[in-house]
Amino acid sequence: MFRDEHGNSVTLGQFFTGRPVILTLVYYQCPMLCTEVLNGLSSAIAPLKFDLGRDYDIVTISIDPSETPAMAGAKKEKYVERYGRPGAAQGWHFLTGNKASVDAVAGAVGFRYAYDPEIKQFAHPSTIMIVTSAGRVAQYYTGIEYEPKDLRLGLMEASANRIGSIVDRALLFCYHYDPAQGRYTARIMMVVRAAGGLMVAAMGLMLAVLIRGERRSREKAA
């Protein structure tokens, strides 16, 4: 179980309602890397024709169980204002949760992190993920800068081509996602990396199973 930026109890499955989701795991008091990840994501989605909150959603989860909805709200306000388009507040969700909930999501998507008590910080990778509406991780992007083209093609593929123009679809046909590089490469230049592809598929299925389990638990509770 998680809490949104308003303090309401939510489940992860509530945000998978027919649109692809960009998933980020950070923490809101991170002194450097997390801010760079969110800044990089914000810059990459700014030029996209797709609208946040209409064509796709972003779910940002704090990996620090001590952080509060108020911290999530402050971070949301900053990035919604930075994005600057109508509907962003409904499309970018900032969550906090207990350690068990966070660990379940992190484990499902292969996101490894650890707390260092000496420096009182979390060690974690700089990674964002595009997830299908069914909860399957479709793509991983590493680093702190992301190509708008890669996100555009990733969102199109994760949406099963429900978003994007004819030109976008033609471009998607010409490119293929390379999990080893974390980006789209021209098909003619691509070398198949089976291990990377299998990792993406396996991690994605684990998140889908987690979301289905959440939904079954809610149905039983009702």
C-alpha atoms as a PDB file:
ATOM      1  CA  MET A   1       0.000   0.000   0.000  1.00  0.00           C
ATOM      2  CA  PHE A   2       1.184   3.494  -0.837  1.00  0.00           C
ATOM      3  CA  ARG A   3       0.107   7.053  -0.097  1.00  0.00           C
ATOM      4  CA  ASP A   4      -0.182   9.740  -2.729  1.00  0.00           C
ATOM      5  CA  GLU A   5       0.924  13.352  -2.376  1.00  0.00           C
ATOM      6  CA  HIS A   6      -2.360  14.146  -0.592  1.00  0.00           C
ATOM      7  CA  GLY A   7      -1.927  11.376   1.974  1.00  0.00           C
ATOM      8  CA  ASN A   8      -4.583   9.126   0.437  1.00  0.00           C
ATOM      9  CA  SER A   9      -4.048   5.363   0.492  1.00  0.00           C
ATOM     10  CA  VAL A  10      -3.525   4.054  -3.046  1.00  0.00           C
ATOM     11  CA  THR A  11      -2.371   0.888  -4.759  1.00  0.00           C
ATOM     12  CA  LEU A  12       0.043   0.776  -7.662  1.00  0.00           C
ATOM     13  CA  GLY A  13      -2.583  -0.846  -9.857  1.00  0.00           C
ATOM     14  CA  GLN A  14      -4.759   2.266  -9.680  1.00  0.00           C
ATOM     15  CA  PHE A  15      -2.357   4.023 -12.029  1.00  0.00           C
ATOM     16  CA  PHE A  16      -2.433   1.349 -14.726  1.00  0.00           C
ATOM     17  CA  THR A  17      -5.734   2.141 -16.396  1.00  0.00           C
ATOM     18  CA  GLY A  18      -5.163   1.815 -20.124  1.00  0.00           C
ATOM     19  CA  ARG A  19      -2.217   4.166 -20.660  1.00  0.00           C
ATOM     20  CA  PRO A  20       1.516   3.449 -20.554  1.00  0.00           C
ATOM     21  CA  VAL A  21       3.331   4.558 -17.408  1.00  0.00           C
ATOM     22  CA  ILE A  22       6.823   5.936 -16.901  1.00  0.00           C
ATOM     23  CA  LEU A  23       7.989   4.535 -13.550  1.00  0.00           C
ATOM     24  CA  THR A  24      10.736   6.161 -11.497  1.00  0.00           C
ATOM     25  CA  LEU A  25      12.116   5.089  -8.120  1.00  0.00           C
ATOM     26  CA  VAL A  26      13.905   7.896  -6.293  1.00  0.00           C
ATOM     27  CA  TYR A  27      13.775   9.568  -2.905  1.00  0.00           C
ATOM     28  CA  TYR A  28      12.673  13.114  -2.355  1.00  0.00           C
ATOM     29  CA  GLN A  29      15.482  14.242  -0.040  1.00  0.00           C
ATOM     30  CA  CYS A  30      18.178  12.831  -2.306  1.00  0.00           C
ATOM     31  CA  PRO A  31      21.004  15.398  -2.431  1.00  0.00           C
ATOM     32  CA  MET A  32      21.907  14.939  -6.084  1.00  0.00           C
ATOM     33  CA  LEU A  33      21.218  11.901  -8.301  1.00  0.00           C
ATOM     34  CA  CYS A  34      17.439  11.656  -7.932  1.00  0.00           C
ATOM     35  CA  THR A  35      16.984  15.307  -8.809  1.00  0.00           C
ATOM     36  CA  GLU A  36      19.114  14.788 -11.907  1.00  0.00           C
ATOM     37  CA  VAL A  37      16.974  11.792 -12.908  1.00  0.00           C
ATOM     38  CA  LEU A  38      13.744  13.767 -12.526  1.00  0.00           C
ATOM     39  CA  ASN A  39      15.231  16.798 -14.267  1.00  0.00           C
ATOM     40  CA  GLY A  40      16.356  14.604 -17.143  1.00  0.00           C
ATOM     41  CA  LEU A  41      12.929  13.013 -17.412  1.00  0.00           C
ATOM     42  CA  SER A  42      11.189  16.376 -17.253  1.00  0.00           C
ATOM     43  CA  SER A  43      13.408  17.737 -20.025  1.00  0.00           C
ATOM     44  CA  ALA A  44      12.859  14.663 -22.199  1.00  0.00           C
ATOM     45  CA  ILE A  45       9.051  14.758 -22.018  1.00  0.00           C
ATOM     46  CA  ALA A  46       8.826  18.524 -22.588  1.00  0.00           C
ATOM     47  CA  PRO A  47       9.069  18.375 -26.411  1.00  0.00           C
ATOM     48  CA  LEU A  48       6.833  15.306 -26.806  1.00  0.00           C
ATOM     49  CA  LYS A  49       3.561  15.715 -28.664  1.00  0.00           C
ATOM     50  CA  PHE A  50       1.994  13.263 -26.225  1.00  0.00           C
ATOM     51  CA  ASP A  51       0.328  14.883 -23.226  1.00  0.00           C
ATOM     52  CA  LEU A  52       1.076  13.762 -19.688  1.00  0.00           C
ATOM     53  CA  GLY A  53      -2.195  12.802 -18.035  1.00  0.00           C
ATOM     54  CA  ARG A  54      -3.925  12.073 -21.324  1.00  0.00           C
ATOM     55  CA  ASP A  55      -1.603   9.839 -23.354  1.00  0.00           C
ATOM     56  CA  TYR A  56       0.569   8.474 -20.548  1.00  0.00           C
ATOM     57  CA  ASP A  57       1.204   8.777 -16.806  1.00  0.00           C
ATOM     58  CA  ILE A  58       4.289   9.043 -14.628  1.00  0.00           C
ATOM     59  CA  VAL A  59       4.496   7.289 -11.259  1.00  0.00           C
ATOM     60  CA  THR A  60       7.359   8.356  -9.010  1.00  0.00           C
ATOM     61  CA  ILE A  61       7.876   6.268  -5.864  1.00  0.00           C
ATOM     62  CA  SER A  62      10.115   7.180  -2.935  1.00  0.00           C
ATOM     63  CA  ILE A  63      12.419   4.367  -1.854  1.00  0.00           C
ATOM     64  CA  ASP A  64      12.780   5.991   1.586  1.00  0.00           C
ATOM     65  CA  PRO A  65       9.977   4.727   3.868  1.00  0.00           C
ATOM     66  CA  SER A  66      10.522   7.647   6.254  1.00  0.00           C
ATOM     67  CA  GLU A  67       9.478  10.234   3.668  1.00  0.00           C
ATOM     68  CA  THR A  68       6.035  11.794   3.894  1.00  0.00           C
ATOM     69  CA  PRO A  69       3.182  12.759   1.559  1.00  0.00           C
ATOM     70  CA  ALA A  70       4.089  16.404   2.228  1.00  0.00           C
ATOM     71  CA  MET A  71       7.536  15.792   0.756  1.00  0.00           C
ATOM     72  CA  ALA A  72       5.939  14.057  -2.206  1.00  0.00           C
ATOM     73  CA  GLY A  73       3.591  17.003  -2.657  1.00  0.00           C
ATOM     74  CA  ALA A  74       6.427  19.523  -2.675  1.00  0.00           C
ATOM     75  CA  LYS A  75       8.299  17.521  -5.280  1.00  0.00           C
ATOM     76  CA  LYS A  76       5.165  17.162  -7.389  1.00  0.00           C
ATOM     77  CA  GLU A  77       4.489  20.885  -7.306  1.00  0.00           C
ATOM     78  CA  LYS A  78       7.986  21.571  -8.615  1.00  0.00           C
ATOM     79  CA  TYR A  79       7.789  19.190 -11.560  1.00  0.00           C
ATOM     80  CA  VAL A  80       4.195  19.891 -12.531  1.00  0.00           C
ATOM     81  CA  GLU A  81       5.109  23.573 -12.715  1.00  0.00           C
ATOM     82  CA  ARG A  82       8.242  22.762 -14.684  1.00  0.00           C
ATOM     83  CA  TYR A  83       6.272  20.695 -17.221  1.00  0.00           C
ATOM     84  CA  GLY A  84       3.770  23.512 -17.537  1.00  0.00           C
ATOM     85  CA  ARG A  85       0.987  21.804 -19.475  1.00  0.00           C
ATOM     86  CA  PRO A  86      -2.659  21.363 -18.439  1.00  0.00           C
ATOM     87  CA  GLY A  87      -3.420  17.948 -16.970  1.00  0.00           C
ATOM     88  CA  ALA A  88       0.048  17.349 -15.582  1.00  0.00           C
ATOM     89  CA  ALA A  89      -1.197  17.290 -11.980  1.00  0.00           C
ATOM     90  CA  GLN A  90      -3.550  14.445 -12.871  1.00  0.00           C
ATOM     91  CA  GLY A  91      -0.859  12.547 -14.753  1.00  0.00           C
ATOM     92  CA  TRP A  92       2.259  12.720 -12.571  1.00  0.00           C
ATOM     93  CA  HIS A  93       1.846  10.863  -9.279  1.00  0.00           C
ATOM     94  CA  PHE A  94       4.327  11.076  -6.398  1.00  0.00           C
ATOM     95  CA  LEU A  95       3.997   8.250  -3.876  1.00  0.00           C
ATOM     96  CA  THR A  96       5.427   7.202  -0.534  1.00  0.00           C
ATOM     97  CA  GLY A  97       5.115   3.788   1.075  1.00  0.00           C
ATOM     98  CA  ASN A  98       6.365   1.402   3.716  1.00  0.00           C
ATOM     99  CA  LYS A  99       9.488  -0.656   3.125  1.00  0.00           C
ATOM    100  CA  ALA A 100       7.593  -3.827   2.249  1.00  0.00           C
ATOM    101  CA  SER A 101       5.600  -2.097  -0.488  1.00  0.00           C
ATOM    102  CA  VAL A 102       8.631  -0.345  -1.928  1.00  0.00           C
ATOM    103  CA  ASP A 103      10.723  -3.519  -1.832  1.00  0.00           C
ATOM    104  CA  ALA A 104       7.979  -5.435  -3.648  1.00  0.00           C
ATOM    105  CA  VAL A 105       7.978  -2.970  -6.537  1.00  0.00           C
ATOM    106  CA  ALA A 106      11.764  -2.609  -6.617  1.00  0.00           C
ATOM    107  CA  GLY A 107      12.209  -6.368  -6.634  1.00  0.00           C
ATOM    108  CA  ALA A 108       9.634  -6.810  -9.390  1.00  0.00           C
ATOM    109  CA  VAL A 109      11.436  -4.424 -11.736  1.00  0.00           C
ATOM    110  CA  GLY A 110      14.994  -5.364 -10.762  1.00  0.00           C
ATOM    111  CA  PHE A 111      15.802  -2.042  -9.073  1.00  0.00           C
ATOM    112  CA  ARG A 112      18.462  -2.656  -6.416  1.00  0.00           C
ATOM    113  CA  TYR A 113      19.100  -0.101  -3.714  1.00  0.00           C
ATOM    114  CA  ALA A 114      20.583   0.025  -0.223  1.00  0.00           C
ATOM    115  CA  TYR A 115      20.765   2.512   2.631  1.00  0.00           C
ATOM    116  CA  ASP A 116      24.222   3.628   3.771  1.00  0.00           C
ATOM    117  CA  PRO A 117      23.927   4.630   7.463  1.00  0.00           C
ATOM    118  CA  GLU A 118      27.366   6.268   7.487  1.00  0.00           C
ATOM    119  CA  ILE A 119      26.437   8.953   4.982  1.00  0.00           C
ATOM    120  CA  LYS A 120      22.678   8.642   5.594  1.00  0.00           C
ATOM    121  CA  GLN A 121      21.919   8.239   1.908  1.00  0.00           C
ATOM    122  CA  PHE A 122      20.563   5.568  -0.414  1.00  0.00           C
ATOM    123  CA  ALA A 123      22.771   3.962  -3.037  1.00  0.00           C
ATOM    124  CA  HIS A 124      20.690   3.281  -6.136  1.00  0.00           C
ATOM    125  CA  PRO A 125      20.880   3.249  -9.941  1.00  0.00           C
ATOM    126  CA  SER A 126      19.721   6.101 -12.146  1.00  0.00           C
ATOM    127  CA  THR A 127      17.011   4.347 -14.128  1.00  0.00           C
ATOM    128  CA  ILE A 128      13.557   5.078 -15.475  1.00  0.00           C
ATOM    129  CA  MET A 129      11.186   2.490 -16.921  1.00  0.00           C
ATOM    130  CA  ILE A 130       8.301   2.489 -19.373  1.00  0.00           C
ATOM    131  CA  VAL A 131       5.577   0.085 -18.297  1.00  0.00           C
ATOM    132  CA  THR A 132       2.556  -1.099 -20.272  1.00  0.00           C
ATOM    133  CA  SER A 133      -0.966  -0.632 -18.919  1.00  0.00           C
ATOM    134  CA  ALA A 134      -0.904  -4.342 -18.022  1.00  0.00           C
ATOM    135  CA  GLY A 135       2.081  -3.770 -15.741  1.00  0.00           C
ATOM    136  CA  ARG A 136       4.792  -5.242 -17.973  1.00  0.00           C
ATOM    137  CA  VAL A 137       8.089  -3.369 -18.079  1.00  0.00           C
ATOM    138  CA  ALA A 138       8.717  -2.630 -21.740  1.00  0.00           C
ATOM    139  CA  GLN A 139      11.892  -0.547 -21.596  1.00  0.00           C
ATOM    140  CA  TYR A 140      14.622   0.549 -19.212  1.00  0.00           C
ATOM    141  CA  TYR A 141      16.544   3.792 -19.673  1.00  0.00           C
ATOM    142  CA  THR A 142      19.681   4.400 -17.628  1.00  0.00           C
ATOM    143  CA  GLY A 143      21.600   7.569 -16.860  1.00  0.00           C
ATOM    144  CA  ILE A 144      20.317  11.067 -16.124  1.00  0.00           C
ATOM    145  CA  GLU A 145      19.678  12.278 -19.666  1.00  0.00           C
ATOM    146  CA  TYR A 146      17.082  10.650 -21.890  1.00  0.00           C
ATOM    147  CA  GLU A 147      16.449  11.136 -25.591  1.00  0.00           C
ATOM    148  CA  PRO A 148      12.944  12.432 -26.348  1.00  0.00           C
ATOM    149  CA  LYS A 149      12.924  10.198 -29.429  1.00  0.00           C
ATOM    150  CA  ASP A 150      13.537   7.107 -27.302  1.00  0.00           C
ATOM    151  CA  LEU A 151      10.745   8.013 -24.880  1.00  0.00           C
ATOM    152  CA  ARG A 152       8.372   8.773 -27.752  1.00  0.00           C
ATOM    153  CA  LEU A 153       9.006   5.419 -29.405  1.00  0.00           C
ATOM    154  CA  GLY A 154       8.919   3.620 -26.057  1.00  0.00           C
ATOM    155  CA  LEU A 155       5.553   5.109 -25.131  1.00  0.00           C
ATOM    156  CA  MET A 156       4.175   4.240 -28.562  1.00  0.00           C
ATOM    157  CA  GLU A 157       5.327   0.648 -28.298  1.00  0.00           C
ATOM    158  CA  ALA A 158       4.050   0.302 -24.730  1.00  0.00           C
ATOM    159  CA  SER A 159       0.660   1.666 -25.809  1.00  0.00           C
ATOM    160  CA  ALA A 160       0.440  -0.876 -28.661  1.00  0.00           C
ATOM    161  CA  ASN A 161       0.437   2.060 -31.129  1.00  0.00           C
ATOM    162  CA  ARG A 162      -2.673   3.646 -29.626  1.00  0.00           C
ATOM    163  CA  ILE A 163      -0.818   6.952 -29.465  1.00  0.00           C
ATOM    164  CA  GLY A 164       1.349   8.546 -32.139  1.00  0.00           C
ATOM    165  CA  SER A 165       0.970   9.611 -35.753  1.00  0.00           C
ATOM    166  CA  ILE A 166       1.452   7.581 -38.933  1.00  0.00           C
ATOM    167  CA  VAL A 167       4.943   9.065 -39.227  1.00  0.00           C
ATOM    168  CA  ASP A 168       5.710   7.994 -35.641  1.00  0.00           C
ATOM    169  CA  ARG A 169       4.574   4.449 -36.421  1.00  0.00           C
ATOM    170  CA  ALA A 170       6.751   4.338 -39.520  1.00  0.00           C
ATOM    171  CA  LEU A 171       9.705   5.505 -37.426  1.00  0.00           C
ATOM    172  CA  LEU A 172       8.984   2.839 -34.810  1.00  0.00           C
ATOM    173  CA  PHE A 173       9.069   0.204 -37.560  1.00  0.00           C
ATOM    174  CA  CYS A 174      12.528   1.416 -38.592  1.00  0.00           C
ATOM    175  CA  TYR A 175      13.897   1.305 -35.047  1.00  0.00           C
ATOM    176  CA  HIS A 176      14.148  -1.431 -32.459  1.00  0.00           C
ATOM    177  CA  TYR A 177      14.615  -1.143 -28.710  1.00  0.00           C
ATOM    178  CA  ASP A 178      18.033  -2.379 -27.606  1.00  0.00           C
ATOM    179  CA  PRO A 179      17.891  -3.318 -23.882  1.00  0.00           C
ATOM    180  CA  ALA A 180      21.674  -3.471 -23.601  1.00  0.00           C
ATOM    181  CA  GLN A 181      21.995   0.183 -24.618  1.00  0.00           C
ATOM    182  CA  GLY A 182      18.714   1.319 -23.080  1.00  0.00           C
ATOM    183  CA  ARG A 183      17.699   3.105 -26.266  1.00  0.00           C
ATOM    184  CA  TYR A 184      16.225   2.607 -29.731  1.00  0.00           C
ATOM    185  CA  THR A 185      18.680   1.699 -32.492  1.00  0.00           C
ATOM    186  CA  ALA A 186      18.237   1.316 -36.243  1.00  0.00           C
ATOM    187  CA  ARG A 187      17.195  -2.251 -37.089  1.00  0.00           C
ATOM    188  CA  ILE A 188      19.835  -2.590 -39.771  1.00  0.00           C
ATOM    189  CA  MET A 189      22.569  -1.855 -37.198  1.00  0.00           C
ATOM    190  CA  MET A 190      21.094  -3.861 -34.325  1.00  0.00           C
ATOM    191  CA  VAL A 191      22.827  -6.920 -32.920  1.00  0.00           C
ATOM    192  CA  VAL A 192      20.419  -9.097 -30.947  1.00  0.00           C
ATOM    193  CA  ARG A 193      21.351  -9.350 -27.295  1.00  0.00           C
ATOM    194  CA  ALA A 194      19.273 -12.234 -25.969  1.00  0.00           C
ATOM    195  CA  ALA A 195      20.284 -11.893 -22.322  1.00  0.00           C
ATOM    196  CA  GLY A 196      19.193  -8.269 -22.177  1.00  0.00           C
ATOM    197  CA  GLY A 197      15.889  -9.032 -23.845  1.00  0.00           C
ATOM    198  CA  LEU A 198      15.143 -11.903 -21.490  1.00  0.00           C
ATOM    199  CA  MET A 199      15.913  -9.712 -18.468  1.00  0.00           C
ATOM    200  CA  VAL A 200      13.459  -7.040 -19.615  1.00  0.00           C
ATOM    201  CA  ALA A 201      10.753  -9.644 -20.228  1.00  0.00           C
ATOM    202  CA  ALA A 202      11.248 -11.398 -16.888  1.00  0.00           C
ATOM    203  CA  MET A 203      11.286  -8.225 -14.805  1.00  0.00           C
ATOM    204  CA  GLY A 204       8.239  -6.913 -16.629  1.00  0.00           C
ATOM    205  CA  LEU A 205       6.211 -10.023 -15.923  1.00  0.00           C
ATOM    206  CA  MET A 206       7.040  -9.820 -12.223  1.00  0.00           C
ATOM    207  CA  LEU A 207       5.585  -6.310 -11.955  1.00  0.00           C
ATOM    208  CA  ALA A 208       2.446  -7.416 -13.792  1.00  0.00           C
ATOM    209  CA  VAL A 209       1.998 -10.267 -11.300  1.00  0.00           C
ATOM    210  CA  LEU A 210       2.425  -7.830  -8.398  1.00  0.00           C
ATOM    211  CA  ILE A 211      -0.245  -5.477  -9.774  1.00  0.00           C
ATOM    212  CA  ARG A 212      -2.693  -8.345 -10.365  1.00  0.00           C
ATOM    213  CA  GLY A 213      -2.118  -9.509  -6.794  1.00  0.00           C
ATOM    214  CA  GLU A 214      -2.917  -6.014  -5.518  1.00  0.00           C
ATOM    215  CA  ARG A 215      -6.166  -5.966  -7.449  1.00  0.00           C
ATOM    216  CA  ARG A 216      -7.223  -9.392  -6.168  1.00  0.00           C
ATOM    217  CA  SER A 217      -6.513  -8.297  -2.596  1.00  0.00           C
ATOM    218  CA  ARG A 218      -8.659  -5.189  -3.053  1.00  0.00           C
ATOM    219  CA  GLU A 219     -11.509  -7.251  -4.495  1.00  0.00           C
ATOM    220  CA  LYS A 220     -11.402  -9.662  -1.549  1.00  0.00           C
ATOM    221  CA  ALA A 221     -11.318  -6.772   0.924  1.00  0.00           C
ATOM    222  CA  ALA A 222     -14.375  -5.218  -0.743  1.00  0.00           C
END
